[in-house]
Protein backbone atom coordinates (compact mmCIF):
# COMPACT_ATOMS: atom_id res chain seq x y z
CA MET A 1 0.00 0.00 0.00
CA ASN A 2 1.12 3.54 -0.67
CA LEU A 3 1.45 6.22 2.00
CA ARG A 4 -2.01 7.68 1.39
CA SER A 5 -3.67 4.28 1.88
CA ARG A 6 -1.60 3.63 4.99
CA LEU A 7 -2.62 6.97 6.52
CA PHE A 8 -6.26 6.42 5.57
CA PHE A 9 -6.47 2.93 7.05
CA SER A 10 -4.49 3.94 10.12
CA HIS A 11 -7.07 6.66 10.81
CA LEU A 12 -9.90 4.16 10.25
CA PHE A 13 -8.20 1.67 12.56
CA VAL A 14 -7.87 4.25 15.32
CA MET A 15 -11.50 5.22 14.81
CA GLY A 16 -12.58 1.55 14.86
CA VAL A 17 -10.72 0.88 18.09
CA GLY A 18 -12.38 3.90 19.67
CA LEU A 19 -15.88 2.91 18.51
CA ALA A 20 -15.41 -0.72 19.53
CA SER A 21 -14.30 0.32 22.99
CA PHE A 22 -17.24 2.68 23.28
CA ILE A 23 -19.79 0.07 22.12
CA LEU A 24 -18.35 -2.70 24.30
CA ILE A 25 -18.26 -0.63 27.46
CA SER A 26 -21.70 0.84 26.79
CA LYS A 27 -23.17 -2.58 26.01
CA VAL A 28 -21.93 -4.04 29.27
CA TYR A 29 -22.58 -1.17 31.68
CA SER A 30 -25.48 0.81 30.22
CA PRO A 31 -28.24 -1.74 31.14
CA ARG A 32 -26.83 -2.11 34.65
CA LEU A 33 -26.70 1.62 35.14
CA PHE A 34 -30.27 1.87 33.83
CA VAL A 35 -31.46 -0.70 36.40
CA LEU A 36 -29.70 1.14 39.19
CA GLN A 37 -31.34 4.35 38.03
CA LEU A 38 -34.79 2.66 38.19
CA GLU A 39 -34.14 1.42 41.70
CA GLU A 40 -33.17 4.91 42.83
CA MET A 41 -36.37 6.27 41.27
CA GLU A 42 -38.45 3.66 43.18
CA GLN A 43 -36.88 4.66 46.46
CA ALA A 44 -37.23 8.37 45.79
CA LEU A 45 -40.77 8.36 44.39
CA PHE A 46 -42.20 5.45 46.46
CA PHE A 47 -43.69 3.51 43.58
CA ASN A 48 -42.97 0.04 42.23
CA VAL A 49 -41.89 -0.56 38.65
CA ARG A 50 -40.86 -4.21 39.02
CA SER A 51 -43.76 -5.34 36.84
CA VAL A 52 -42.62 -3.25 33.89
CA ARG A 53 -38.86 -3.28 34.54
CA THR A 54 -38.22 -5.95 31.95
CA TYR A 55 -40.09 -4.03 29.25
CA LEU A 56 -38.31 -0.81 30.17
CA ILE A 57 -34.90 -2.43 29.98
CA ARG A 58 -35.75 -4.12 26.68
CA GLY A 59 -37.01 -0.82 25.22
CA PHE A 60 -33.89 0.93 26.45
CA GLU A 61 -31.66 -1.67 24.81
CA GLN A 62 -33.54 -1.46 21.50
CA THR A 63 -33.40 2.32 21.51
CA TRP A 64 -29.73 2.25 22.44
CA ASN A 65 -28.92 -0.26 19.69
CA ARG A 66 -30.66 1.84 17.01
CA SER A 67 -29.02 5.06 18.11
CA THR A 68 -25.64 3.34 18.33
CA LEU A 69 -26.04 1.86 14.85
CA TRP A 70 -26.87 5.22 13.27
CA SER A 71 -24.11 6.91 15.26
CA VAL A 72 -21.59 4.33 14.04
CA LEU A 73 -22.73 4.68 10.43
CA PHE A 74 -22.66 8.45 10.36
CA GLY A 75 -19.53 8.65 12.51
CA ALA A 76 -17.68 6.12 10.37
CA GLY A 77 -18.69 7.93 7.18
CA ALA A 78 -17.64 11.33 8.51
CA ALA A 79 -14.41 9.96 9.97
CA GLY A 80 -13.64 8.07 6.76
CA GLY A 81 -14.14 11.16 4.62
CA LEU A 82 -12.07 13.29 6.98
CA SER A 83 -9.33 10.63 7.09
CA TYR A 84 -9.21 10.49 3.31
CA TRP A 85 -8.99 14.30 3.08
CA VAL A 86 -6.23 14.52 5.69
CA ALA A 87 -4.27 11.68 4.09
CA ARG A 88 -4.54 13.30 0.68
CA ARG A 89 -3.51 16.69 2.05
CA ILE A 90 -0.44 15.19 3.69
CA THR A 91 0.62 13.05 0.73
CA GLN A 92 -0.08 15.59 -2.03
CA PRO A 93 3.19 17.55 -1.47
CA LEU A 94 5.11 14.27 -1.33
CA LEU A 95 3.61 13.14 -4.63
CA GLN A 96 4.45 16.53 -6.12
CA MET A 97 8.01 16.17 -4.85
CA GLU A 98 8.24 12.74 -6.48
CA GLN A 99 7.07 14.17 -9.81
CA ILE A 100 9.59 17.02 -9.58
CA THR A 101 12.46 14.66 -8.82
CA GLN A 102 11.50 12.60 -11.88
CA LYS A 103 11.67 15.78 -13.95
CA PHE A 104 15.06 16.53 -12.42
CA ALA A 105 16.24 13.09 -13.48
CA SER A 106 15.17 13.86 -17.06
CA GLY A 107 17.04 17.19 -17.05
CA ASP A 108 14.19 19.63 -16.30
CA LEU A 109 15.44 21.70 -13.33
CA GLN A 110 12.83 24.48 -13.46
CA GLU A 111 10.04 22.97 -11.33
CA ARG A 112 9.70 23.96 -7.68
CA MET A 113 7.54 22.87 -4.76
CA SER A 114 4.49 24.95 -3.88
CA ASN A 115 4.05 26.18 -0.32
CA SER A 116 2.05 24.09 2.15
CA GLU A 117 -0.16 25.15 5.03
CA ILE A 118 1.26 22.36 7.19
CA PRO A 119 4.36 23.80 8.94
CA GLU A 120 6.45 20.63 8.68
CA LEU A 121 5.64 20.17 5.00
CA ALA A 122 6.23 23.87 4.39
CA ARG A 123 9.74 23.54 5.84
CA LEU A 124 10.31 20.41 3.76
CA SER A 125 9.17 22.26 0.62
CA SER A 126 11.44 25.20 1.41
CA SER A 127 14.44 22.89 1.95
CA PHE A 128 13.63 21.01 -1.26
CA ASN A 129 13.44 24.26 -3.24
CA ARG A 130 16.78 25.41 -1.83
CA MET A 131 18.28 22.07 -2.83
CA ALA A 132 16.75 22.43 -6.30
CA ASP A 133 18.21 25.95 -6.65
CA SER A 134 21.61 24.60 -5.62
CA ILE A 135 21.39 21.73 -8.11
CA GLU A 136 20.34 24.08 -10.89
CA GLY A 137 23.18 26.46 -10.02
CA ASN A 138 25.72 23.63 -9.96
CA GLU A 139 24.48 22.38 -13.31
CA GLN A 140 24.72 25.85 -14.77
CA ARG A 141 28.23 26.29 -13.41
CA ARG A 142 29.18 22.86 -14.77
CA LEU A 143 28.04 23.83 -18.25
CA GLU A 144 29.84 27.15 -17.97
CA LEU A 145 32.97 25.36 -16.75
CA ILE A 146 32.93 23.01 -19.72
CA GLY A 147 32.42 25.92 -22.12
CA ASP A 148 35.11 28.06 -20.51
CA LEU A 149 37.56 25.17 -20.31
CA THR A 150 36.97 24.35 -23.97
CA HIS A 151 37.56 27.97 -24.89
CA GLU A 152 40.73 28.18 -22.81
CA LEU A 153 42.15 25.03 -24.36
CA ARG A 154 41.16 25.95 -27.91
CA THR A 155 43.21 29.17 -28.03
CA PRO A 156 46.70 27.76 -27.36
CA LEU A 157 45.97 24.58 -29.30
CA THR A 158 44.88 26.59 -32.32
CA VAL A 159 48.04 28.69 -32.18
CA MET A 160 50.26 25.62 -31.83
CA ARG A 161 48.50 23.76 -34.64
CA GLY A 162 48.81 26.80 -36.93
CA TYR A 163 52.56 27.09 -36.45
CA LEU A 164 53.11 23.33 -36.80
CA GLU A 165 51.02 23.12 -39.99
CA GLU A 166 52.84 26.09 -41.52
CA MET A 167 56.22 24.60 -40.65
CA ALA A 168 55.15 21.22 -42.08
CA ALA A 169 54.01 22.93 -45.30
CA GLY A 170 57.26 24.90 -45.53
CA GLN A 171 55.47 28.25 -45.25
CA VAL A 172 57.31 29.13 -42.01
CA ASP A 173 60.93 28.34 -41.35
CA PRO A 174 61.73 26.82 -37.95
CA SER A 175 63.40 29.50 -35.87
CA PRO A 176 64.06 30.22 -32.22
CA GLU A 177 61.25 32.80 -32.29
CA VAL A 178 58.71 30.23 -33.52
CA TYR A 179 59.86 27.67 -31.00
CA GLN A 180 59.60 30.29 -28.25
CA LYS A 181 55.99 31.01 -29.22
CA LEU A 182 55.22 27.30 -29.07
CA VAL A 183 56.85 27.12 -25.64
CA VAL A 184 54.69 30.02 -24.42
CA GLU A 185 51.50 28.30 -25.56
CA THR A 186 52.65 25.00 -24.06
CA ARG A 187 53.33 26.69 -20.73
CA ARG A 188 49.87 28.24 -20.86
CA LEU A 189 48.35 24.79 -21.27
CA GLU A 190 50.51 23.42 -18.49
CA ARG A 191 49.55 26.26 -16.16
CA LEU A 192 45.86 25.74 -16.91
CA VAL A 193 46.05 22.00 -16.24
CA ASN A 194 48.01 22.52 -13.00
CA ASP A 195 45.53 25.13 -11.77
CA LEU A 196 42.58 22.90 -12.56
CA GLN A 197 44.19 19.97 -10.77
CA GLU A 198 44.93 22.05 -7.71
CA LEU A 199 41.43 23.54 -7.65
CA SER A 200 39.81 20.11 -7.94
CA LYS A 201 41.96 18.80 -5.07
CA ALA A 202 41.14 21.83 -2.92
CA GLU A 203 37.39 21.57 -3.51
CA ALA A 204 37.39 17.81 -2.97
CA GLY A 205 39.30 18.17 0.30
CA TYR A 206 42.34 16.23 -0.92
CA LEU A 207 44.75 19.15 -0.69
CA LYS A 208 47.05 18.71 2.27
CA ILE A 209 47.11 21.65 4.66
CA ASP A 210 49.89 21.72 7.27
CA LEU A 211 48.68 24.17 9.92
CA GLN A 212 51.27 25.37 12.40
CA PRO A 213 52.23 28.54 14.32
CA LEU A 214 53.70 30.93 11.77
CA ASN A 215 55.11 34.44 11.54
CA ILE A 216 53.78 35.81 8.29
CA ARG A 217 56.00 38.91 8.01
CA PRO A 218 59.11 37.16 6.58
CA ILE A 219 56.94 35.50 3.94
CA LEU A 220 55.43 38.80 2.82
CA GLU A 221 58.82 40.53 2.83
CA SER A 222 60.29 37.82 0.58
CA ILE A 223 57.35 37.95 -1.86
CA VAL A 224 57.37 41.75 -2.10
CA GLU A 225 61.12 41.78 -2.69
CA ARG A 226 60.94 39.16 -5.44
CA LEU A 227 58.05 40.77 -7.28
CA SER A 228 59.48 44.28 -6.96
CA ASP A 229 62.50 43.20 -8.96
CA GLN A 230 60.20 42.10 -11.80
CA LEU A 231 58.33 45.41 -12.10
CA LEU A 232 59.29 47.86 -14.82
CA ASP A 233 60.57 51.32 -13.96
CA ASP A 234 57.44 52.96 -15.33
CA GLY A 235 55.15 50.41 -13.64
CA PRO A 236 53.48 50.51 -10.24
CA THR A 237 55.41 50.66 -6.99
CA LEU A 238 55.11 47.74 -4.60
CA GLN A 239 55.36 48.30 -0.85
CA LEU A 240 54.73 46.49 2.42
CA ASP A 241 52.85 48.11 5.29
CA CYS A 242 53.37 45.66 8.13
CA PRO A 243 54.23 46.11 11.83
CA GLN A 244 57.61 44.80 12.91
CA ASN A 245 56.19 42.62 15.66
CA LEU A 246 53.32 40.48 14.49
CA PRO A 247 51.51 37.81 16.51
CA LEU A 248 51.79 34.26 15.29
CA VAL A 249 49.04 32.77 13.16
CA ILE A 250 47.90 29.20 12.56
CA ALA A 251 48.52 28.67 8.85
CA ASP A 252 50.24 26.61 6.18
CA ARG A 253 53.44 28.36 5.07
CA ASP A 254 53.35 27.22 1.44
CA ARG A 255 49.63 27.86 0.98
CA THR A 256 49.83 31.27 2.61
CA GLU A 257 52.67 32.17 0.27
CA GLN A 258 50.61 30.91 -2.68
CA ILE A 259 47.63 33.05 -1.62
CA SER A 260 49.77 36.16 -1.33
CA ILE A 261 51.46 35.56 -4.70
CA ASN A 262 48.11 35.01 -6.40
CA LEU A 263 46.66 38.24 -5.05
CA LEU A 264 49.77 40.26 -5.77
CA GLY A 265 50.09 38.79 -9.25
CA ASN A 266 46.47 39.70 -9.93
CA ALA A 267 47.08 43.26 -8.70
CA ILE A 268 50.21 43.64 -10.86
CA ARG A 269 48.35 42.30 -13.90
CA TYR A 270 45.69 45.00 -13.68
CA THR A 271 47.74 47.93 -12.39
CA GLU A 272 49.80 49.67 -15.04
CA LYS A 273 50.73 52.69 -12.93
CA GLY A 274 50.30 53.86 -9.38
CA SER A 275 50.96 51.70 -6.34
CA ILE A 276 50.31 48.30 -4.85
CA THR A 277 50.36 48.03 -1.07
CA VAL A 278 50.38 44.93 1.10
CA LYS A 279 48.87 45.97 4.44
CA VAL A 280 48.76 43.80 7.55
CA TRP A 281 46.81 44.35 10.79
CA THR A 282 45.12 42.34 13.53
CA GLU A 283 41.54 42.23 14.70
CA PHE A 284 41.26 39.56 17.36
CA PRO A 285 41.02 36.65 16.72
CA TRP A 286 42.20 37.27 13.13
CA LEU A 287 45.21 38.62 11.32
CA TRP A 288 44.24 40.40 8.11
CA VAL A 289 46.34 40.79 4.97
CA ALA A 290 45.13 43.21 2.29
CA VAL A 291 46.47 43.79 -1.22
CA ILE A 292 45.50 47.33 -2.24
CA ASP A 293 46.09 48.53 -5.80
CA THR A 294 45.26 51.58 -7.89
CA GLY A 295 44.48 49.62 -11.03
CA VAL A 296 41.50 49.40 -13.37
CA GLY A 297 39.11 48.15 -10.67
CA ILE A 298 36.04 45.95 -10.94
CA ALA A 299 32.48 47.01 -11.64
CA ALA A 300 29.96 46.60 -8.81
CA GLU A 301 27.87 44.10 -10.76
CA ASP A 302 30.96 41.92 -11.31
CA LEU A 303 32.14 41.79 -7.69
CA PRO A 304 29.97 38.79 -6.67
CA HIS A 305 31.62 36.70 -9.42
CA VAL A 306 35.32 37.43 -8.97
CA PHE A 307 36.01 34.16 -7.10
CA GLU A 308 34.21 31.95 -9.63
CA ARG A 309 36.10 29.66 -11.99
CA PHE A 310 37.14 31.19 -15.32
CA TRP A 311 35.41 34.47 -14.54
CA ARG A 312 37.01 37.61 -15.96
CA ALA A 313 35.70 41.13 -16.15
CA ASP A 314 37.81 41.65 -19.27
CA ARG A 315 38.36 38.27 -20.90
CA ALA A 316 40.43 39.38 -23.87
CA ARG A 317 42.80 41.45 -21.78
CA SER A 318 43.20 38.78 -19.10
CA ARG A 319 43.99 36.11 -21.63
CA HIS A 320 46.55 38.32 -23.29
CA LEU A 321 48.21 38.83 -19.91
CA GLY A 322 48.35 35.11 -19.26
CA GLY A 323 45.66 34.59 -16.62
CA THR A 324 43.81 31.28 -16.49
CA GLY A 325 40.74 32.69 -14.77
CA ILE A 326 40.83 30.28 -11.82
CA GLY A 327 43.59 31.80 -9.67
CA LEU A 328 41.12 33.63 -7.43
CA ALA A 329 38.94 30.52 -7.12
CA ILE A 330 42.00 28.60 -5.87
CA THR A 331 42.89 31.47 -3.55
CA ARG A 332 39.46 31.53 -1.93
CA ARG A 333 39.53 27.78 -1.36
CA LEU A 334 43.02 27.89 0.17
CA VAL A 335 41.93 30.65 2.55
CA GLU A 336 38.83 28.68 3.58
CA LEU A 337 40.87 25.50 4.16
CA GLN A 338 42.95 27.44 6.69
CA GLY A 339 39.84 28.65 8.52
CA GLY A 340 39.84 32.21 7.17
CA THR A 341 37.74 34.34 4.86
CA ILE A 342 38.49 36.46 1.82
CA GLU A 343 36.77 39.68 0.73
CA VAL A 344 37.02 42.18 -2.09
CA GLU A 345 36.18 45.85 -2.55
CA SER A 346 36.67 47.71 -5.79
CA GLN A 347 35.74 50.75 -7.86
CA VAL A 348 36.23 51.11 -11.57
CA ASN A 349 39.37 53.12 -12.47
CA ARG A 350 40.17 53.60 -8.76
CA GLY A 351 41.58 50.22 -7.80
CA SER A 352 40.74 47.11 -5.81
CA THR A 353 41.34 45.76 -2.32
CA PHE A 354 41.56 42.02 -1.74
CA ARG A 355 41.89 41.04 1.91
CA PHE A 356 41.98 37.68 3.64
CA SER A 357 42.06 36.62 7.28
CA ILE A 358 44.10 33.99 9.12
CA PRO A 359 43.34 32.73 12.65
CA LEU A 360 45.71 33.96 15.32
CA SER A 361 47.68 31.40 17.28
CA ARG A 362 46.20 30.96 20.76
CA SER A 363 49.50 29.55 21.98
CA SER A 364 51.16 32.93 21.51
CA PHE A 365 50.68 34.80 24.80
CA ARG A 366 52.55 38.00 24.18
CA SER A 367 51.86 41.64 23.47
CA ALA A 368 53.97 43.71 21.15
CA GLY A 369 53.53 46.64 18.84
CA GLY A 370 50.02 47.30 20.10
CA PHE A 371 48.83 43.75 19.29
CA LYS A 372 47.70 41.54 22.11
CA ILE A 373 47.05 37.83 21.82
CA ASP A 374 44.55 36.35 24.22
């Protein structure tokens, strides 16, 4: 039997047990109580009804049987109808949910559950709709990922195939310049594959994170020094704004360095002139690191998407500069795996600020430079 039948018959069973108990108890005790009532009347009114007691009791039983029969018939009919209505009302959302899941299985992700007046079913419908929205969003992102990945792979492969075909046809002579262009495209493919592999490991939870007490200042100093040497004279200036005495944090050294390099590389890519500042401060129980640039900035409508895979505000420019479009997605996941958060603020043509937090080490009980660890 299905759920509706089970609910219906369970209600009828409960009703039957109640009626049977009522009839049995009434059948046994009602005549006795009637006789006792007659005896009390004889004593109170001083008249004898012994000669007609048998007829009275028989008439009472007949009247009681008729009234009980009609009560059972009407009561059972009303209870049966009400049970059927309640069972249908309870099972209707579940049947609707079953139909929607079947549509989901066939690829139709547009259907949603309607609201229910029953609080528990209303919460179930709301949870189901949130799950459906999440599934639809994941499916949309999956399709976008496939399309973006195909596009990213097509560009270097097309360039490489063009040069190889021209060299095979004798239209282009092999030269160091041609080989260097092939190397550049090969490195782009390699970088894309490595980034995808690292992102998949991070999102699947397979990326090893070695958390330990860490002083982040030497890491930032080394990164700023290395990248400063790569900047052109007419490019942006890179500086570090960090207190001398920093509290220890609980972080992975390599992953923290990777996060900082990703954010600084992104800032350098989009900042032709001006300045890039790495600022560090503490707000218990976090240490914050911000990368502040004066570059092209990001439009307000694009800010919610900056940490998505393959997202770019300016695709053509980013591809020309060598970005894969998943560096920020990796960065966000690495920050989250270390227990922190990452945020972004930006204005077009005024620059961007990417900041991430790292938990402070609770084993560091010292106060220096205005920072106090609890």
